[in-house]
Amino acid sequence: MAAMEYRRLGRSGLRVSVLSFGSWVTFANTDQLANAQQAAECLSAAKDAGVNFFDNAEGYSAGESERVMGAAFRELGWKRHEYVVSTKLFWGLYDVPNMKNTLNRKYLSQAIDGSLERFGLDFVDLVFCHRPDARTPIEETVWAMSDMISQGKALYWGTSEWSADEIRAAYDIADRHNLHKPLMEQPQYNIFWRDRVEKEYKRLYEDIGLGTTIWSPLSSGLLTGKYMNGIPEGSRATLPGYEWLKGMLTDVGRNKKVGELKVIADELGITLTQLALAWCVKNPHVSTVITGASSAAQVRENMTALDAVPLLTKEVMERIDLISLF
């Protein structure tokens, strides 16, 4: 397998593995013992492949994902300097005013403490505002996130699924008041979902040095080809709470394009998964591609995408564009 590549996160000095491991959906098992063992096996396989960034969020399994990942870190005996870990804040865990779907100062200051307690850590490396909050002034959010960095509870902060205008507004406020600036964005990005990363954020990479930790590189599994003949039993679309994915995953037009992409993958001697992940890696504005897996074997399979990157020549990339953009 090709050696892991490490890229700087935006203009920071922090280097993250170009393939990383995320826990969205991954740690949803209700059997806590099996879940902890699964997490440790997945994290260990990822680290063996050179992964140093592990993504999480308060909202994943209502905080349980942070607990499981933190327990896995301890079980594996990892030193704190060996890995980069993130969390994301917005959705909240309590259905009361000021504690749900917000980025106000009260929520943020308490939410980061809750995340650190669940992880069993003194600090996270990255903390994201998981969604924008139109009801809270951006100034309030920027000050609260900057204070979080100053207090040593996180090292860098950023956004997830914010518009370019919102990111620039937050950056300008921080710049004007000499506060810690937003460094990175976590957007969805894959062969079928590209405009935000490739067009909307285009000026931000040079203007403010934006880094990206992209999610859903396989378009929730669509780009693996597993949905070309319907929804298989045990797939993500069958999980409770993920029914909203069914329409996209069974879309006839998109699955037809997946079939056309499979022709390219077969010609190159690689899988659709390798093709889709390697395609994301080819974008120099992608700092890291967050992968998910439910087993150590799947983690190892995802990591083989590094071998496919050199195969995606300019000609191959143009063929992929012709399929996906038209």
Protein backbone atom coordinates (compact mmCIF):
# COMPACT_ATOMS: atom_id res chain seq x y z
CA MET A 1 0.00 0.00 0.00
CA ALA A 2 1.20 3.52 -0.79
CA ALA A 3 2.56 5.57 2.09
CA MET A 4 0.19 7.98 3.79
CA GLU A 5 0.45 11.61 2.71
CA TYR A 6 0.15 14.42 5.28
CA ARG A 7 -1.18 17.83 4.30
CA ARG A 8 -1.19 21.10 6.19
CA LEU A 9 -4.60 22.09 7.46
CA GLY A 10 -5.09 25.38 5.66
CA ARG A 11 -2.39 27.88 6.59
CA SER A 12 -1.75 26.29 9.97
CA GLY A 13 1.33 24.26 10.77
CA LEU A 14 -0.87 21.25 11.67
CA ARG A 15 -0.45 18.27 9.35
CA VAL A 16 -3.27 15.77 8.94
CA SER A 17 -3.33 12.47 7.09
CA VAL A 18 -4.95 12.86 3.68
CA LEU A 19 -7.25 9.95 4.59
CA SER A 20 -8.79 10.17 8.05
CA PHE A 21 -11.35 8.24 10.11
CA GLY A 22 -14.78 9.56 11.12
CA SER A 23 -17.33 8.12 13.53
CA TRP A 24 -20.62 9.34 12.02
CA VAL A 25 -22.89 6.24 11.90
CA THR A 26 -19.84 4.04 12.58
CA PHE A 27 -20.31 3.76 16.36
CA ALA A 28 -24.09 3.33 16.40
CA ASN A 29 -24.11 -0.17 17.88
CA THR A 30 -26.30 -0.41 20.99
CA ASP A 31 -24.14 -3.23 22.39
CA GLN A 32 -21.64 -1.11 24.29
CA LEU A 33 -19.05 -3.87 24.72
CA ALA A 34 -19.13 -4.83 21.04
CA ASN A 35 -19.12 -1.16 20.11
CA ALA A 36 -16.00 -0.44 22.17
CA GLN A 37 -14.18 -3.43 20.68
CA GLN A 38 -15.23 -2.46 17.15
CA ALA A 39 -14.03 1.12 17.72
CA ALA A 40 -10.64 0.02 19.04
CA GLU A 41 -10.15 -2.35 16.08
CA CYS A 42 -11.11 0.33 13.53
CA LEU A 43 -8.94 3.01 15.11
CA SER A 44 -5.99 0.65 15.38
CA ALA A 45 -6.28 -0.35 11.71
CA ALA A 46 -6.50 3.30 10.68
CA LYS A 47 -3.45 4.29 12.72
CA ASP A 48 -1.48 1.34 11.33
CA ALA A 49 -2.15 2.77 7.86
CA GLY A 50 -0.81 6.19 8.89
CA VAL A 51 -4.08 7.93 9.83
CA ASN A 52 -3.54 10.60 12.47
CA PHE A 53 -6.88 12.48 12.34
CA PHE A 54 -10.04 11.13 13.97
CA ASP A 55 -13.28 13.06 13.48
CA ASN A 56 -16.24 13.10 15.86
CA ALA A 57 -19.14 15.29 16.99
CA GLU A 58 -21.34 15.88 19.99
CA GLY A 59 -24.36 15.05 17.84
CA TYR A 60 -23.16 11.58 16.78
CA SER A 61 -25.30 9.07 18.69
CA ALA A 62 -26.16 11.84 21.19
CA GLY A 63 -22.63 12.03 22.61
CA GLU A 64 -22.08 8.27 22.77
CA SER A 65 -19.68 8.35 19.82
CA GLU A 66 -17.33 10.64 21.76
CA ARG A 67 -17.44 8.29 24.76
CA VAL A 68 -16.68 5.25 22.63
CA MET A 69 -13.80 6.93 20.80
CA GLY A 70 -12.31 8.26 24.02
CA ALA A 71 -12.52 4.81 25.61
CA ALA A 72 -10.81 3.33 22.53
CA PHE A 73 -7.95 5.84 22.80
CA ARG A 74 -7.38 4.75 26.40
CA GLU A 75 -7.72 1.02 25.66
CA LEU A 76 -5.17 1.29 22.86
CA GLY A 77 -2.82 3.23 25.13
CA TRP A 78 -2.26 6.02 22.61
CA LYS A 79 -0.22 9.01 23.74
CA ARG A 80 -1.95 12.36 23.27
CA HIS A 81 0.73 13.58 20.87
CA GLU A 82 0.08 10.66 18.51
CA TYR A 83 -3.32 11.73 17.16
CA VAL A 84 -5.47 14.69 16.14
CA VAL A 85 -9.11 14.55 17.26
CA SER A 86 -12.08 16.80 16.58
CA THR A 87 -15.59 17.45 17.75
CA LYS A 88 -18.43 19.54 16.35
CA LEU A 89 -21.00 21.58 18.23
CA PHE A 90 -24.48 22.88 17.34
CA TRP A 91 -27.31 20.34 17.67
CA GLY A 92 -27.09 19.99 21.45
CA LEU A 93 -28.11 17.13 23.73
CA TYR A 94 -30.81 18.82 25.79
CA ASP A 95 -34.20 19.97 24.50
CA VAL A 96 -34.31 23.21 26.47
CA PRO A 97 -33.84 26.86 25.46
CA ASN A 98 -30.21 27.84 24.74
CA MET A 99 -29.05 24.24 24.52
CA LYS A 100 -30.25 23.08 21.10
CA ASN A 101 -29.58 24.11 17.50
CA THR A 102 -27.58 27.15 18.54
CA LEU A 103 -24.11 28.70 18.60
CA ASN A 104 -24.70 31.13 21.47
CA ARG A 105 -22.01 31.64 24.08
CA LYS A 106 -23.82 29.76 26.86
CA TYR A 107 -24.30 26.65 24.78
CA LEU A 108 -20.79 26.63 23.29
CA SER A 109 -19.04 27.12 26.62
CA GLN A 110 -20.94 24.23 28.20
CA ALA A 111 -20.94 21.98 25.13
CA ILE A 112 -17.15 21.89 24.81
CA ASP A 113 -16.86 20.94 28.49
CA GLY A 114 -19.33 18.12 27.92
CA SER A 115 -17.41 16.83 24.91
CA LEU A 116 -14.10 16.85 26.79
CA GLU A 117 -15.69 14.97 29.67
CA ARG A 118 -17.09 12.30 27.34
CA PHE A 119 -13.77 11.93 25.51
CA GLY A 120 -11.83 11.93 28.77
CA LEU A 121 -9.46 14.52 27.29
CA ASP A 122 -8.08 17.87 28.41
CA PHE A 123 -8.48 19.35 24.93
CA VAL A 124 -9.51 18.55 21.36
CA ASP A 125 -7.31 19.59 18.47
CA LEU A 126 -10.14 20.83 16.25
CA VAL A 127 -13.60 22.11 17.11
CA PHE A 128 -16.20 22.95 14.48
CA CYS A 129 -19.44 24.93 14.51
CA HIS A 130 -21.47 22.06 13.09
CA ARG A 131 -23.95 24.30 11.25
CA PRO A 132 -24.50 28.07 10.96
CA ASP A 133 -26.91 29.72 13.40
CA ALA A 134 -28.92 32.52 11.87
CA ARG A 135 -30.41 33.49 15.24
CA THR A 136 -27.12 34.18 17.00
CA PRO A 137 -24.94 37.11 15.88
CA ILE A 138 -21.79 35.81 14.22
CA GLU A 139 -19.80 38.17 16.50
CA GLU A 140 -21.03 36.28 19.58
CA THR A 141 -20.07 32.93 18.08
CA VAL A 142 -16.63 34.14 16.97
CA TRP A 143 -15.83 35.53 20.43
CA ALA A 144 -17.01 32.31 22.11
CA MET A 145 -14.97 30.09 19.77
CA SER A 146 -11.89 32.29 20.14
CA ASP A 147 -12.21 32.14 23.93
CA MET A 148 -12.38 28.34 23.66
CA ILE A 149 -8.98 28.38 21.96
CA SER A 150 -7.54 30.87 24.46
CA GLN A 151 -8.69 28.65 27.33
CA GLY A 152 -6.82 25.69 25.85
CA LYS A 153 -9.94 23.55 25.35
CA ALA A 154 -9.27 23.33 21.61
CA LEU A 155 -6.31 24.28 19.42
CA TYR A 156 -8.08 25.36 16.21
CA TRP A 157 -11.66 26.18 15.32
CA GLY A 158 -13.64 26.09 12.14
CA THR A 159 -17.05 25.60 10.57
CA SER A 160 -19.11 22.90 8.92
CA GLU A 161 -21.52 23.55 6.06
CA TRP A 162 -21.25 27.33 6.34
CA SER A 163 -21.59 29.49 3.25
CA ALA A 164 -18.54 31.31 1.91
CA ASP A 165 -20.10 34.62 3.00
CA GLU A 166 -20.60 33.36 6.57
CA ILE A 167 -17.05 32.05 6.79
CA ARG A 168 -15.62 35.32 5.47
CA ALA A 169 -17.77 37.34 7.90
CA ALA A 170 -16.48 35.25 10.83
CA TYR A 171 -12.89 35.60 9.63
CA ASP A 172 -13.20 39.38 9.21
CA ILE A 173 -14.69 39.80 12.70
CA ALA A 174 -11.84 37.77 14.21
CA ASP A 175 -9.28 39.70 12.21
CA ARG A 176 -10.74 43.07 13.24
CA HIS A 177 -10.70 42.20 16.96
CA ASN A 178 -7.42 40.23 16.90
CA LEU A 179 -9.22 36.99 17.82
CA HIS A 180 -8.45 33.40 16.85
CA LYS A 181 -9.66 33.03 13.27
CA PRO A 182 -11.64 30.14 11.77
CA LEU A 183 -9.12 27.86 10.08
CA MET A 184 -11.04 25.04 8.43
CA GLU A 185 -14.41 24.04 7.00
CA GLN A 186 -15.99 20.57 6.94
CA PRO A 187 -18.20 20.39 3.83
CA GLN A 188 -19.71 17.49 1.96
CA TYR A 189 -17.62 16.71 -1.12
CA ASN A 190 -17.69 13.87 -3.61
CA ILE A 191 -17.92 13.20 -7.34
CA PHE A 192 -21.64 14.08 -7.29
CA TRP A 193 -21.46 16.97 -4.78
CA ARG A 194 -18.80 19.48 -5.77
CA ASP A 195 -19.98 23.07 -6.24
CA ARG A 196 -19.36 24.35 -2.72
CA VAL A 197 -15.77 23.08 -2.48
CA GLU A 198 -14.80 23.76 -6.09
CA LYS A 199 -16.67 27.02 -6.77
CA GLU A 200 -18.17 28.73 -3.71
CA TYR A 201 -15.05 28.45 -1.55
CA LYS A 202 -12.61 29.06 -4.40
CA ARG A 203 -11.54 32.56 -3.26
CA LEU A 204 -11.25 31.51 0.38
CA TYR A 205 -8.37 29.11 -0.16
CA GLU A 206 -6.04 31.92 -1.22
CA ASP A 207 -7.64 34.85 0.61
CA ILE A 208 -7.81 33.35 4.11
CA GLY A 209 -5.98 30.01 3.70
CA LEU A 210 -9.04 27.85 4.33
CA GLY A 211 -8.43 24.16 4.99
CA THR A 212 -11.07 21.47 4.41
CA THR A 213 -11.86 18.19 6.16
CA ILE A 214 -14.40 16.81 3.71
CA TRP A 215 -17.14 14.33 4.59
CA SER A 216 -19.27 11.84 2.60
CA PRO A 217 -16.63 11.14 -0.08
CA LEU A 218 -18.65 8.07 -1.09
CA SER A 219 -21.96 9.98 -1.14
CA SER A 220 -23.33 7.89 1.76
CA GLY A 221 -22.33 4.70 -0.05
CA LEU A 222 -23.87 5.54 -3.43
CA LEU A 223 -20.42 5.69 -5.05
CA THR A 224 -19.54 2.18 -3.86
CA GLY A 225 -22.06 0.74 -6.31
CA LYS A 226 -23.91 -1.21 -3.62
CA TYR A 227 -27.21 0.55 -4.41
CA MET A 228 -27.29 -0.06 -8.16
CA ASN A 229 -29.79 -2.90 -7.63
CA GLY A 230 -31.77 -1.47 -4.70
CA ILE A 231 -31.09 -1.16 -0.97
CA PRO A 232 -29.21 -4.16 0.48
CA GLU A 233 -30.07 -5.43 3.94
CA GLY A 234 -27.91 -3.97 6.69
CA SER A 235 -26.81 -0.95 4.65
CA ARG A 236 -26.87 2.59 6.02
CA ALA A 237 -30.23 3.38 4.40
CA THR A 238 -31.86 0.64 6.53
CA LEU A 239 -30.72 2.20 9.83
CA PRO A 240 -33.32 3.97 11.99
CA GLY A 241 -33.12 7.72 11.45
CA TYR A 242 -31.49 7.47 8.03
CA GLU A 243 -34.63 6.93 5.96
CA TRP A 244 -34.02 10.32 4.32
CA LEU A 245 -31.13 8.77 2.39
CA LYS A 246 -33.28 6.29 0.46
CA GLY A 247 -34.39 8.68 -2.28
CA MET A 248 -30.86 9.74 -3.11
CA LEU A 249 -29.41 6.24 -2.91
CA THR A 250 -32.02 4.72 -5.22
CA ASP A 251 -32.02 7.58 -7.75
CA VAL A 252 -32.04 5.92 -11.17
CA GLY A 253 -30.03 8.66 -12.92
CA ARG A 254 -27.26 8.71 -10.35
CA ASN A 255 -26.98 4.93 -10.22
CA LYS A 256 -26.69 4.90 -14.00
CA LYS A 257 -23.72 7.26 -13.65
CA VAL A 258 -22.25 4.99 -10.97
CA GLY A 259 -22.42 2.18 -13.49
CA GLU A 260 -20.52 4.32 -15.99
CA LEU A 261 -17.90 5.16 -13.35
CA LYS A 262 -17.53 1.43 -12.67
CA VAL A 263 -16.41 0.97 -16.26
CA ILE A 264 -13.50 3.36 -15.59
CA ALA A 265 -12.69 1.67 -12.28
CA ASP A 266 -12.68 -1.76 -13.93
CA GLU A 267 -10.35 -0.51 -16.67
CA LEU A 268 -7.94 0.78 -13.99
CA GLY A 269 -8.19 -2.45 -12.00
CA ILE A 270 -9.56 -0.72 -8.90
CA THR A 271 -12.88 -0.64 -7.02
CA LEU A 272 -15.46 2.11 -7.17
CA THR A 273 -14.61 2.94 -3.55
CA GLN A 274 -10.94 3.40 -4.39
CA LEU A 275 -11.88 5.54 -7.40
CA ALA A 276 -14.20 7.82 -5.40
CA LEU A 277 -11.78 8.32 -2.48
CA ALA A 278 -8.77 8.85 -4.74
CA TRP A 279 -10.77 11.40 -6.75
CA CYS A 280 -11.27 13.48 -3.58
CA VAL A 281 -7.57 13.20 -2.68
CA LYS A 282 -6.66 14.62 -6.10
CA ASN A 283 -8.09 18.02 -5.12
CA PRO A 284 -5.19 20.00 -3.55
CA HIS A 285 -7.67 22.11 -1.55
CA VAL A 286 -8.83 19.00 0.33
CA SER A 287 -6.75 18.75 3.50
CA THR A 288 -8.18 15.37 4.50
CA VAL A 289 -10.86 12.95 3.31
CA ILE A 290 -12.93 11.60 6.21
CA THR A 291 -13.69 7.91 5.72
CA GLY A 292 -16.08 5.74 7.70
CA ALA A 293 -16.02 2.01 8.35
CA SER A 294 -17.82 -0.55 10.49
CA SER A 295 -14.92 -3.02 10.61
CA ALA A 296 -11.13 -3.04 10.59
CA ALA A 297 -11.22 -4.83 7.23
CA GLN A 298 -13.27 -1.99 5.75
CA VAL A 299 -10.80 0.54 7.15
CA ARG A 300 -7.93 -1.28 5.46
CA GLU A 301 -9.89 -1.44 2.22
CA ASN A 302 -10.49 2.32 2.30
CA MET A 303 -6.80 2.96 2.83
CA THR A 304 -5.94 1.19 -0.44
CA ALA A 305 -7.39 4.24 -2.21
CA LEU A 306 -3.91 5.73 -1.83
CA ASP A 307 -2.70 3.22 -4.43
CA ALA A 308 -5.31 4.51 -6.89
CA VAL A 309 -4.36 8.19 -6.74
CA PRO A 310 -1.52 7.97 -9.35
CA LEU A 311 -3.89 6.15 -11.72
CA LEU A 312 -6.24 9.13 -11.93
CA THR A 313 -4.48 10.94 -14.74
CA LYS A 314 -5.73 14.14 -16.34
CA GLU A 315 -7.49 12.06 -18.97
CA VAL A 316 -9.20 9.86 -16.39
CA MET A 317 -10.30 12.91 -14.36
CA GLU A 318 -11.80 14.43 -17.52
CA ARG A 319 -13.72 11.21 -18.21
CA ILE A 320 -15.09 11.29 -14.65
CA ASP A 321 -16.17 14.92 -15.20
CA LEU A 322 -18.01 13.99 -18.40
CA ILE A 323 -20.00 11.36 -16.49
CA SER A 324 -20.70 13.28 -13.30
CA LEU A 325 -21.24 16.83 -14.54
CA PHE A 326 -23.46 16.18 -17.54
